[in-house]
Amino acid sequence: MIMVYMLLAEGFEEIEAISTIDILRRGGVEVTTVSIGTHLQVSGAHHIKVMADALIGEVDLDQTVEAVVLPGGMPGTTHLDESRDVDRLLHDAVKKELLVAAVCAAPLVLGKRGFLKGKRATCFPGFEDYLKGAILSENRVEHDGNFITSRSAGTAAYFAFEILKVLKNEAISAKVKQSMIYPD
């Protein structure tokens, strides 16, 4: 079974995390929610509390993990960016050529580390300067190499469908989209 780590920091954007988790699971992808803090309970940007499956210190990128996903939101993105554990996990994921996906403000975490240099990328308006060396777009979703980026909570489902397409295939992504009666 394909496994994805969804990194949750205090102040994460709930729509971006939960809709992505839901869509991926509908498509048969195992999603492990990972708190980057010291407690399993994580509060989102709009004060919705979520119980994570694991703490970041308990996980590594073993052979079953195929992707790492970063939801945006503030101050969640700032916490992701400042975490040494997240930094270690992302560098390991990039080294292993795993899929790394970030939405809304979270692409800044990738951009500040130089991962998006020369890659097509998008983000929430106002965060473009953090995507150093990226080829910027205003598309809902950009997929370039092992990176997927997206703009906002409003594009979160498109983001999730693209991740599902990459991890599974286009037919499964389309089937889940159709089952949800999701517009194109």
N, C-alpha and C. Protein backbone atom coordinates (compact mmCIF):
# COMPACT_ATOMS: atom_id res chain seq x y z
N MET A 1 0.84 -1.19 0.00
CA MET A 1 0.00 0.00 0.00
C MET A 1 0.88 1.25 0.00
N ILE A 2 0.48 2.21 -0.79
CA ILE A 2 1.18 3.50 -0.87
C ILE A 2 0.91 4.28 0.42
N MET A 3 1.98 4.87 0.99
CA MET A 3 1.82 5.66 2.21
C MET A 3 2.31 7.09 2.00
N VAL A 4 1.56 8.00 2.59
CA VAL A 4 1.87 9.43 2.54
C VAL A 4 1.94 9.94 3.97
N TYR A 5 2.90 10.82 4.23
CA TYR A 5 2.93 11.55 5.50
C TYR A 5 2.34 12.93 5.28
N MET A 6 1.32 13.27 6.06
CA MET A 6 0.74 14.61 6.07
C MET A 6 1.25 15.30 7.33
N LEU A 7 2.09 16.33 7.15
CA LEU A 7 2.69 17.01 8.29
C LEU A 7 1.75 18.08 8.84
N LEU A 8 1.46 18.01 10.12
CA LEU A 8 0.55 18.95 10.76
C LEU A 8 1.28 19.78 11.81
N ALA A 9 1.23 21.09 11.62
CA ALA A 9 1.81 22.03 12.58
C ALA A 9 0.68 22.84 13.19
N GLU A 10 0.87 23.32 14.41
CA GLU A 10 -0.13 24.21 15.02
C GLU A 10 -0.42 25.35 14.05
N GLY A 11 -1.71 25.55 13.74
CA GLY A 11 -2.10 26.61 12.83
C GLY A 11 -2.15 26.20 11.38
N PHE A 12 -2.21 24.88 11.11
CA PHE A 12 -2.32 24.41 9.72
C PHE A 12 -3.70 24.76 9.16
N GLU A 13 -3.81 24.87 7.85
CA GLU A 13 -5.09 25.15 7.20
C GLU A 13 -5.89 23.84 7.12
N GLU A 14 -7.00 23.80 7.81
CA GLU A 14 -7.79 22.57 7.93
C GLU A 14 -8.30 22.04 6.60
N ILE A 15 -8.85 22.90 5.76
CA ILE A 15 -9.38 22.44 4.47
C ILE A 15 -8.28 21.78 3.65
N GLU A 16 -7.11 22.37 3.63
CA GLU A 16 -6.00 21.84 2.82
C GLU A 16 -5.54 20.48 3.32
N ALA A 17 -5.54 20.29 4.61
CA ALA A 17 -5.11 19.00 5.16
C ALA A 17 -6.22 17.95 5.05
N ILE A 18 -7.38 18.26 5.58
CA ILE A 18 -8.44 17.26 5.69
C ILE A 18 -8.99 16.84 4.33
N SER A 19 -9.21 17.79 3.43
CA SER A 19 -9.72 17.39 2.11
C SER A 19 -8.70 16.54 1.36
N THR A 20 -7.43 16.85 1.51
CA THR A 20 -6.39 16.05 0.86
C THR A 20 -6.34 14.65 1.46
N ILE A 21 -6.39 14.55 2.77
CA ILE A 21 -6.41 13.24 3.43
C ILE A 21 -7.61 12.43 2.92
N ASP A 22 -8.78 13.04 2.92
CA ASP A 22 -10.00 12.36 2.51
C ASP A 22 -9.92 11.86 1.07
N ILE A 23 -9.52 12.71 0.16
CA ILE A 23 -9.45 12.33 -1.26
C ILE A 23 -8.42 11.23 -1.47
N LEU A 24 -7.27 11.34 -0.84
CA LEU A 24 -6.25 10.30 -1.00
C LEU A 24 -6.73 8.96 -0.45
N ARG A 25 -7.38 8.98 0.70
CA ARG A 25 -7.89 7.73 1.28
C ARG A 25 -8.99 7.13 0.41
N ARG A 26 -9.85 7.96 -0.16
CA ARG A 26 -10.87 7.45 -1.09
C ARG A 26 -10.23 6.74 -2.27
N GLY A 27 -9.04 7.18 -2.64
CA GLY A 27 -8.32 6.58 -3.76
C GLY A 27 -7.42 5.42 -3.36
N GLY A 28 -7.48 5.00 -2.10
CA GLY A 28 -6.72 3.84 -1.67
C GLY A 28 -5.30 4.13 -1.22
N VAL A 29 -5.01 5.39 -0.88
CA VAL A 29 -3.69 5.76 -0.38
C VAL A 29 -3.76 5.83 1.14
N GLU A 30 -2.81 5.22 1.81
CA GLU A 30 -2.74 5.29 3.27
C GLU A 30 -2.08 6.61 3.66
N VAL A 31 -2.78 7.41 4.44
CA VAL A 31 -2.24 8.69 4.89
C VAL A 31 -2.00 8.62 6.40
N THR A 32 -0.77 8.90 6.80
CA THR A 32 -0.43 8.98 8.21
C THR A 32 -0.26 10.46 8.55
N THR A 33 -1.08 10.94 9.48
CA THR A 33 -0.95 12.33 9.90
C THR A 33 0.15 12.40 10.95
N VAL A 34 1.04 13.37 10.78
CA VAL A 34 2.23 13.48 11.62
C VAL A 34 2.27 14.87 12.26
N SER A 35 2.16 14.90 13.59
CA SER A 35 2.30 16.15 14.32
C SER A 35 3.78 16.52 14.37
N ILE A 36 4.09 17.78 14.04
CA ILE A 36 5.49 18.20 14.12
C ILE A 36 5.83 18.73 15.51
N GLY A 37 4.84 18.75 16.39
CA GLY A 37 5.06 19.22 17.76
C GLY A 37 5.33 18.07 18.72
N THR A 38 5.08 18.34 19.99
CA THR A 38 5.33 17.33 21.03
C THR A 38 4.07 16.61 21.47
N HIS A 39 2.92 16.99 20.90
CA HIS A 39 1.64 16.36 21.25
C HIS A 39 0.95 15.88 19.98
N LEU A 40 0.18 14.81 20.11
CA LEU A 40 -0.57 14.30 18.96
C LEU A 40 -1.70 15.24 18.56
N GLN A 41 -2.31 15.92 19.52
CA GLN A 41 -3.39 16.84 19.18
C GLN A 41 -2.81 18.12 18.59
N VAL A 42 -3.33 18.49 17.43
CA VAL A 42 -2.86 19.69 16.73
C VAL A 42 -4.08 20.56 16.42
N SER A 43 -3.98 21.85 16.68
CA SER A 43 -5.07 22.78 16.38
C SER A 43 -4.79 23.49 15.07
N GLY A 44 -5.81 23.54 14.22
CA GLY A 44 -5.67 24.22 12.94
C GLY A 44 -5.80 25.72 13.07
N ALA A 45 -5.66 26.40 11.95
CA ALA A 45 -5.73 27.87 11.90
C ALA A 45 -7.09 28.39 12.35
N HIS A 46 -8.13 27.56 12.22
CA HIS A 46 -9.48 27.97 12.60
C HIS A 46 -9.95 27.20 13.83
N HIS A 47 -8.97 26.77 14.63
CA HIS A 47 -9.19 26.18 15.96
C HIS A 47 -9.90 24.83 15.93
N ILE A 48 -9.80 24.12 14.82
CA ILE A 48 -10.31 22.75 14.75
C ILE A 48 -9.19 21.84 15.23
N LYS A 49 -9.49 21.03 16.22
CA LYS A 49 -8.47 20.14 16.79
C LYS A 49 -8.48 18.79 16.06
N VAL A 50 -7.29 18.32 15.73
CA VAL A 50 -7.12 17.05 15.03
C VAL A 50 -6.14 16.20 15.83
N MET A 51 -6.43 14.92 15.94
CA MET A 51 -5.53 13.99 16.62
C MET A 51 -4.67 13.31 15.56
N ALA A 52 -3.38 13.61 15.57
CA ALA A 52 -2.45 13.02 14.60
C ALA A 52 -2.20 11.55 14.93
N ASP A 53 -1.73 10.82 13.93
CA ASP A 53 -1.41 9.40 14.10
C ASP A 53 -0.06 9.19 14.76
N ALA A 54 0.87 10.13 14.56
CA ALA A 54 2.24 9.94 15.04
C ALA A 54 2.90 11.29 15.28
N LEU A 55 3.96 11.28 16.06
CA LEU A 55 4.80 12.46 16.25
C LEU A 55 5.96 12.38 15.26
N ILE A 56 6.46 13.51 14.83
CA ILE A 56 7.50 13.53 13.82
C ILE A 56 8.77 12.79 14.25
N GLY A 57 9.06 12.78 15.53
CA GLY A 57 10.23 12.06 16.02
C GLY A 57 10.10 10.55 15.93
N GLU A 58 8.88 10.07 15.68
CA GLU A 58 8.62 8.63 15.60
C GLU A 58 8.61 8.09 14.17
N VAL A 59 8.75 8.97 13.19
CA VAL A 59 8.62 8.52 11.80
C VAL A 59 9.92 8.69 11.03
N ASP A 60 10.08 7.86 10.03
CA ASP A 60 11.17 8.04 9.08
C ASP A 60 10.65 7.66 7.70
N LEU A 61 11.45 7.88 6.71
CA LEU A 61 11.02 7.62 5.34
C LEU A 61 11.44 6.21 4.94
N ASP A 62 10.72 5.24 5.48
CA ASP A 62 11.03 3.85 5.13
C ASP A 62 10.56 3.55 3.71
N GLN A 63 10.68 2.31 3.32
CA GLN A 63 10.40 1.93 1.93
C GLN A 63 8.94 2.08 1.52
N THR A 64 8.02 2.19 2.48
CA THR A 64 6.61 2.28 2.11
C THR A 64 6.15 3.72 1.89
N VAL A 65 6.90 4.70 2.34
CA VAL A 65 6.50 6.10 2.20
C VAL A 65 6.87 6.58 0.80
N GLU A 66 5.88 7.15 0.11
CA GLU A 66 6.11 7.62 -1.25
C GLU A 66 5.93 9.13 -1.40
N ALA A 67 5.38 9.78 -0.36
CA ALA A 67 5.16 11.22 -0.48
C ALA A 67 5.09 11.88 0.88
N VAL A 68 5.44 13.16 0.89
CA VAL A 68 5.31 14.02 2.07
C VAL A 68 4.48 15.22 1.63
N VAL A 69 3.43 15.53 2.40
CA VAL A 69 2.52 16.61 2.04
C VAL A 69 2.52 17.66 3.15
N LEU A 70 2.59 18.93 2.73
CA LEU A 70 2.58 20.06 3.65
C LEU A 70 1.37 20.94 3.37
N PRO A 71 0.38 20.98 4.30
CA PRO A 71 -0.69 21.95 4.14
C PRO A 71 -0.17 23.32 4.54
N GLY A 72 -0.82 24.35 4.03
CA GLY A 72 -0.42 25.71 4.39
C GLY A 72 -1.13 26.18 5.63
N GLY A 73 -1.49 27.45 5.62
CA GLY A 73 -2.11 28.07 6.78
C GLY A 73 -1.06 28.78 7.61
N MET A 74 -1.53 29.75 8.36
CA MET A 74 -0.65 30.50 9.25
C MET A 74 -1.22 30.46 10.66
N PRO A 75 -0.40 30.23 11.63
CA PRO A 75 1.06 30.19 11.59
C PRO A 75 1.65 28.82 11.28
N GLY A 76 0.83 27.87 10.82
CA GLY A 76 1.32 26.53 10.55
C GLY A 76 2.52 26.47 9.64
N THR A 77 2.47 27.25 8.56
CA THR A 77 3.59 27.24 7.61
C THR A 77 4.88 27.73 8.28
N THR A 78 4.77 28.75 9.10
CA THR A 78 5.95 29.24 9.82
C THR A 78 6.53 28.15 10.71
N HIS A 79 5.66 27.41 11.39
CA HIS A 79 6.14 26.32 12.25
C HIS A 79 6.81 25.22 11.43
N LEU A 80 6.24 24.88 10.27
CA LEU A 80 6.88 23.90 9.38
C LEU A 80 8.27 24.37 8.99
N ASP A 81 8.36 25.64 8.60
CA ASP A 81 9.62 26.20 8.12
C ASP A 81 10.69 26.22 9.21
N GLU A 82 10.28 26.43 10.45
CA GLU A 82 11.25 26.56 11.55
C GLU A 82 11.63 25.23 12.20
N SER A 83 10.97 24.15 11.81
CA SER A 83 11.21 22.85 12.45
C SER A 83 12.42 22.13 11.86
N ARG A 84 13.36 21.80 12.72
CA ARG A 84 14.53 21.02 12.28
C ARG A 84 14.12 19.62 11.83
N ASP A 85 13.12 19.06 12.50
CA ASP A 85 12.65 17.73 12.11
C ASP A 85 12.03 17.74 10.72
N VAL A 86 11.26 18.78 10.42
CA VAL A 86 10.68 18.91 9.08
C VAL A 86 11.79 19.10 8.06
N ASP A 87 12.76 19.92 8.38
CA ASP A 87 13.90 20.14 7.48
C ASP A 87 14.60 18.82 7.16
N ARG A 88 14.87 18.04 8.20
CA ARG A 88 15.52 16.73 8.02
C ARG A 88 14.68 15.81 7.14
N LEU A 89 13.39 15.74 7.43
CA LEU A 89 12.49 14.86 6.68
C LEU A 89 12.41 15.28 5.21
N LEU A 90 12.32 16.59 4.96
CA LEU A 90 12.23 17.08 3.58
C LEU A 90 13.52 16.82 2.80
N HIS A 91 14.65 17.08 3.42
CA HIS A 91 15.92 16.81 2.73
C HIS A 91 16.05 15.32 2.40
N ASP A 92 15.62 14.47 3.33
CA ASP A 92 15.65 13.03 3.10
C ASP A 92 14.70 12.64 1.97
N ALA A 93 13.50 13.23 1.96
CA ALA A 93 12.51 12.94 0.91
C ALA A 93 13.03 13.35 -0.46
N VAL A 94 13.64 14.52 -0.55
CA VAL A 94 14.18 15.00 -1.82
C VAL A 94 15.33 14.11 -2.27
N LYS A 95 16.19 13.74 -1.34
CA LYS A 95 17.32 12.86 -1.66
C LYS A 95 16.83 11.51 -2.20
N LYS A 96 15.73 11.01 -1.63
CA LYS A 96 15.17 9.72 -2.06
C LYS A 96 14.23 9.86 -3.27
N GLU A 97 14.08 11.09 -3.77
CA GLU A 97 13.23 11.40 -4.92
C GLU A 97 11.77 11.01 -4.69
N LEU A 98 11.30 11.24 -3.46
CA LEU A 98 9.89 11.03 -3.15
C LEU A 98 9.09 12.23 -3.64
N LEU A 99 7.80 12.04 -3.79
CA LEU A 99 6.92 13.15 -4.12
C LEU A 99 6.82 14.06 -2.90
N VAL A 100 6.97 15.36 -3.12
CA VAL A 100 6.80 16.35 -2.05
C VAL A 100 5.78 17.36 -2.56
N ALA A 101 4.71 17.54 -1.78
CA ALA A 101 3.61 18.41 -2.20
C ALA A 101 3.33 19.45 -1.13
N ALA A 102 3.10 20.69 -1.55
CA ALA A 102 2.83 21.78 -0.62
C ALA A 102 1.78 22.71 -1.22
N VAL A 103 0.89 23.20 -0.37
CA VAL A 103 -0.21 24.03 -0.84
C VAL A 103 -0.26 25.34 -0.05
N CYS A 104 -0.76 26.38 -0.70
CA CYS A 104 -1.02 27.69 -0.10
C CYS A 104 0.29 28.40 0.25
N ALA A 105 0.54 28.66 1.51
CA ALA A 105 1.80 29.30 1.92
C ALA A 105 2.94 28.30 2.04
N ALA A 106 2.62 27.01 2.19
CA ALA A 106 3.64 25.99 2.46
C ALA A 106 4.71 25.83 1.37
N PRO A 107 4.46 26.18 0.10
CA PRO A 107 5.57 26.10 -0.85
C PRO A 107 6.77 26.96 -0.44
N LEU A 108 6.56 27.95 0.43
CA LEU A 108 7.71 28.74 0.90
C LEU A 108 8.72 27.86 1.62
N VAL A 109 8.26 26.81 2.29
CA VAL A 109 9.16 25.89 2.99
C VAL A 109 10.09 25.22 1.98
N LEU A 110 9.54 24.85 0.84
CA LEU A 110 10.34 24.23 -0.22
C LEU A 110 11.22 25.26 -0.91
N GLY A 111 10.65 26.42 -1.18
CA GLY A 111 11.38 27.47 -1.88
C GLY A 111 12.58 27.98 -1.10
N LYS A 112 12.43 28.16 0.20
CA LYS A 112 13.53 28.66 1.03
C LYS A 112 14.69 27.67 1.11
N ARG A 113 14.42 26.41 0.82
CA ARG A 113 15.47 25.40 0.83
C ARG A 113 16.06 25.15 -0.56
N GLY A 114 15.58 25.92 -1.55
CA GLY A 114 16.10 25.80 -2.90
C GLY A 114 15.56 24.62 -3.70
N PHE A 115 14.58 23.91 -3.16
CA PHE A 115 14.05 22.72 -3.84
C PHE A 115 13.29 23.06 -5.12
N LEU A 116 12.75 24.27 -5.21
CA LEU A 116 11.92 24.63 -6.36
C LEU A 116 12.69 25.38 -7.45
N LYS A 117 13.98 25.54 -7.28
CA LYS A 117 14.79 26.26 -8.26
C LYS A 117 14.66 25.59 -9.64
N GLY A 118 14.25 26.39 -10.62
CA GLY A 118 14.09 25.89 -11.98
C GLY A 118 12.83 25.07 -12.21
N LYS A 119 11.97 24.97 -11.20
CA LYS A 119 10.73 24.19 -11.30
C LYS A 119 9.53 25.13 -11.42
N ARG A 120 8.51 24.69 -12.15
CA ARG A 120 7.25 25.43 -12.17
C ARG A 120 6.59 25.26 -10.80
N ALA A 121 6.12 26.37 -10.24
CA ALA A 121 5.51 26.32 -8.90
C ALA A 121 4.49 27.43 -8.75
N THR A 122 3.58 27.23 -7.82
CA THR A 122 2.57 28.22 -7.50
C THR A 122 2.38 28.25 -5.99
N CYS A 123 1.75 29.30 -5.50
CA CYS A 123 1.54 29.44 -4.05
C CYS A 123 0.46 30.48 -3.81
N PHE A 124 0.13 30.70 -2.56
CA PHE A 124 -0.83 31.73 -2.19
C PHE A 124 -0.24 33.09 -2.56
N PRO A 125 -1.06 33.99 -3.14
CA PRO A 125 -0.56 35.31 -3.51
C PRO A 125 0.11 36.02 -2.33
N GLY A 126 1.29 36.57 -2.59
CA GLY A 126 2.05 37.27 -1.57
C GLY A 126 3.24 36.48 -1.05
N PHE A 127 3.29 35.19 -1.39
CA PHE A 127 4.40 34.35 -0.92
C PHE A 127 5.39 34.02 -2.04
N GLU A 128 5.19 34.61 -3.20
CA GLU A 128 6.02 34.30 -4.37
C GLU A 128 7.51 34.55 -4.13
N ASP A 129 7.85 35.59 -3.39
CA ASP A 129 9.26 35.93 -3.18
C ASP A 129 10.03 34.83 -2.45
N TYR A 130 9.34 33.97 -1.75
CA TYR A 130 10.00 32.86 -1.04
C TYR A 130 10.35 31.69 -1.96
N LEU A 131 9.76 31.67 -3.14
CA LEU A 131 9.98 30.56 -4.07
C LEU A 131 11.17 30.90 -4.95
N LYS A 132 12.32 31.04 -4.35
CA LYS A 132 13.53 31.50 -5.01
C LYS A 132 13.92 30.60 -6.18
N GLY A 133 14.02 31.22 -7.36
CA GLY A 133 14.46 30.50 -8.55
C GLY A 133 13.39 29.67 -9.21
N ALA A 134 12.17 29.67 -8.66
CA ALA A 134 11.08 28.90 -9.27
C ALA A 134 10.52 29.64 -10.48
N ILE A 135 9.93 28.90 -11.37
CA ILE A 135 9.20 29.46 -12.51
C ILE A 135 7.76 29.59 -12.02
N LEU A 136 7.35 30.80 -11.69
CA LEU A 136 6.07 31.03 -11.02
C LEU A 136 4.89 31.02 -11.98
N SER A 137 3.77 30.51 -11.49
CA SER A 137 2.53 30.55 -12.26
C SER A 137 1.38 30.88 -11.32
N GLU A 138 0.23 31.17 -11.91
CA GLU A 138 -0.98 31.39 -11.13
C GLU A 138 -1.97 30.24 -11.34
N ASN A 139 -1.48 29.11 -11.85
CA ASN A 139 -2.33 27.94 -12.04
C ASN A 139 -2.78 27.40 -10.69
N ARG A 140 -3.90 26.68 -10.70
CA ARG A 140 -4.39 26.06 -9.46
C ARG A 140 -3.36 25.12 -8.86
N VAL A 141 -2.75 24.33 -9.73
CA VAL A 141 -1.79 23.31 -9.31
C VAL A 141 -0.64 23.28 -10.31
N GLU A 142 0.56 23.10 -9.81
CA GLU A 142 1.73 22.87 -10.67
C GLU A 142 2.39 21.57 -10.23
N HIS A 143 2.74 20.76 -11.22
CA HIS A 143 3.46 19.51 -10.96
C HIS A 143 4.70 19.53 -11.83
N ASP A 144 5.85 19.55 -11.20
CA ASP A 144 7.12 19.57 -11.93
C ASP A 144 8.09 18.64 -11.22
N GLY A 145 8.46 17.58 -11.91
CA GLY A 145 9.36 16.59 -11.31
C GLY A 145 8.69 15.93 -10.12
N ASN A 146 9.37 15.93 -8.99
CA ASN A 146 8.83 15.31 -7.78
C ASN A 146 8.10 16.30 -6.87
N PHE A 147 7.75 17.46 -7.42
CA PHE A 147 7.10 18.49 -6.60
C PHE A 147 5.74 18.86 -7.15
N ILE A 148 4.78 18.98 -6.25
CA ILE A 148 3.45 19.49 -6.58
C ILE A 148 3.20 20.67 -5.65
N THR A 149 2.77 21.78 -6.23
CA THR A 149 2.40 22.96 -5.44
C THR A 149 1.01 23.41 -5.85
N SER A 150 0.34 24.10 -4.94
CA SER A 150 -1.00 24.60 -5.22
C SER A 150 -1.22 25.90 -4.46
N ARG A 151 -2.28 26.62 -4.82
CA ARG A 151 -2.44 28.00 -4.39
C ARG A 151 -3.12 28.24 -3.04
N SER A 152 -4.15 27.45 -2.70
CA SER A 152 -4.94 27.86 -1.54
C SER A 152 -5.93 26.80 -1.10
N ALA A 153 -6.68 27.11 -0.06
CA ALA A 153 -7.75 26.22 0.39
C ALA A 153 -8.75 25.99 -0.75
N GLY A 154 -8.96 27.00 -1.58
CA GLY A 154 -9.89 26.87 -2.70
C GLY A 154 -9.42 25.94 -3.80
N THR A 155 -8.14 25.61 -3.81
CA THR A 155 -7.61 24.69 -4.82
C THR A 155 -7.18 23.36 -4.20
N ALA A 156 -7.49 23.16 -2.93
CA ALA A 156 -7.01 21.97 -2.21
C ALA A 156 -7.47 20.66 -2.83
N ALA A 157 -8.70 20.59 -3.30
CA ALA A 157 -9.17 19.34 -3.91
C ALA A 157 -8.41 19.06 -5.20
N TYR A 158 -8.18 20.08 -6.01
CA TYR A 158 -7.40 19.89 -7.25
C TYR A 158 -5.99 19.40 -6.91
N PHE A 159 -5.43 19.96 -5.86
CA PHE A 159 -4.12 19.55 -5.33
C PHE A 159 -4.14 18.06 -4.98
N ALA A 160 -5.16 17.65 -4.24
CA ALA A 160 -5.27 16.26 -3.82
C ALA A 160 -5.47 15.32 -5.01
N PHE A 161 -6.28 15.73 -5.97
CA PHE A 161 -6.49 14.88 -7.16
C PHE A 161 -5.19 14.71 -7.95
N GLU A 162 -4.38 15.75 -8.00
CA GLU A 162 -3.09 15.64 -8.70
C GLU A 162 -2.15 14.69 -7.95
N ILE A 163 -2.12 14.78 -6.64
CA ILE A 163 -1.30 13.85 -5.85
C ILE A 163 -1.77 12.42 -6.09
N LEU A 164 -3.08 12.22 -6.07
CA LEU A 164 -3.64 10.88 -6.29
C LEU A 164 -3.29 10.36 -7.67
N LYS A 165 -3.36 11.23 -8.66
CA LYS A 165 -3.01 10.85 -10.03
C LYS A 165 -1.56 10.38 -10.11
N VAL A 166 -0.67 11.08 -9.44
CA VAL A 166 0.75 10.73 -9.47
C VAL A 166 1.02 9.43 -8.70
N LEU A 167 0.42 9.29 -7.52
CA LEU A 167 0.69 8.12 -6.68
C LEU A 167 -0.01 6.86 -7.18
N LYS A 168 -1.19 7.01 -7.73
CA LYS A 168 -1.95 5.87 -8.25
C LYS A 168 -1.95 5.95 -9.77
N ASN A 169 -2.97 6.60 -10.33
CA ASN A 169 -3.03 6.85 -11.77
C ASN A 169 -4.19 7.78 -12.08
N GLU A 170 -4.25 8.21 -13.32
CA GLU A 170 -5.28 9.18 -13.72
C GLU A 170 -6.68 8.60 -13.60
N ALA A 171 -6.83 7.30 -13.91
CA ALA A 171 -8.15 6.67 -13.86
C ALA A 171 -8.71 6.67 -12.43
N ILE A 172 -7.88 6.35 -11.46
CA ILE A 172 -8.34 6.33 -10.06
C ILE A 172 -8.67 7.75 -9.60
N SER A 173 -7.84 8.71 -9.97
CA SER A 173 -8.11 10.10 -9.62
C SER A 173 -9.44 10.55 -10.22
N ALA A 174 -9.67 10.22 -11.49
CA ALA A 174 -10.92 10.59 -12.17
C ALA A 174 -12.12 9.89 -11.53
N LYS A 175 -11.94 8.64 -11.13
CA LYS A 175 -13.04 7.88 -10.51
C LYS A 175 -13.43 8.51 -9.17
N VAL A 176 -12.45 8.89 -8.37
CA VAL A 176 -12.75 9.54 -7.09
C VAL A 176 -13.42 10.88 -7.34
N LYS A 177 -12.91 11.63 -8.29
CA LYS A 177 -13.50 12.94 -8.62
C LYS A 177 -14.96 12.76 -9.04
N GLN A 178 -15.21 11.77 -9.89
CA GLN A 178 -16.58 11.51 -10.36
C GLN A 178 -17.48 11.08 -9.20
N SER A 179 -16.97 10.23 -8.31
CA SER A 179 -17.78 9.75 -7.18
C SER A 179 -18.18 10.89 -6.25
N MET A 180 -17.39 11.95 -6.25
CA MET A 180 -17.67 13.11 -5.41
C MET A 180 -18.49 14.17 -6.16
N ILE A 181 -18.78 13.88 -7.44
CA ILE A 181 -19.45 14.84 -8.33
C ILE A 181 -18.70 16.17 -8.30
N TYR A 182 -17.37 16.07 -8.43
CA TYR A 182 -16.52 17.25 -8.36
C TYR A 182 -16.41 17.90 -9.74
N PRO A 183 -16.64 19.21 -9.84
CA PRO A 183 -16.57 19.88 -11.15
C PRO A 183 -15.14 20.01 -11.65
N ASP A 184 -15.01 20.09 -12.95
CA ASP A 184 -13.67 20.28 -13.54
C ASP A 184 -13.19 21.68 -13.46
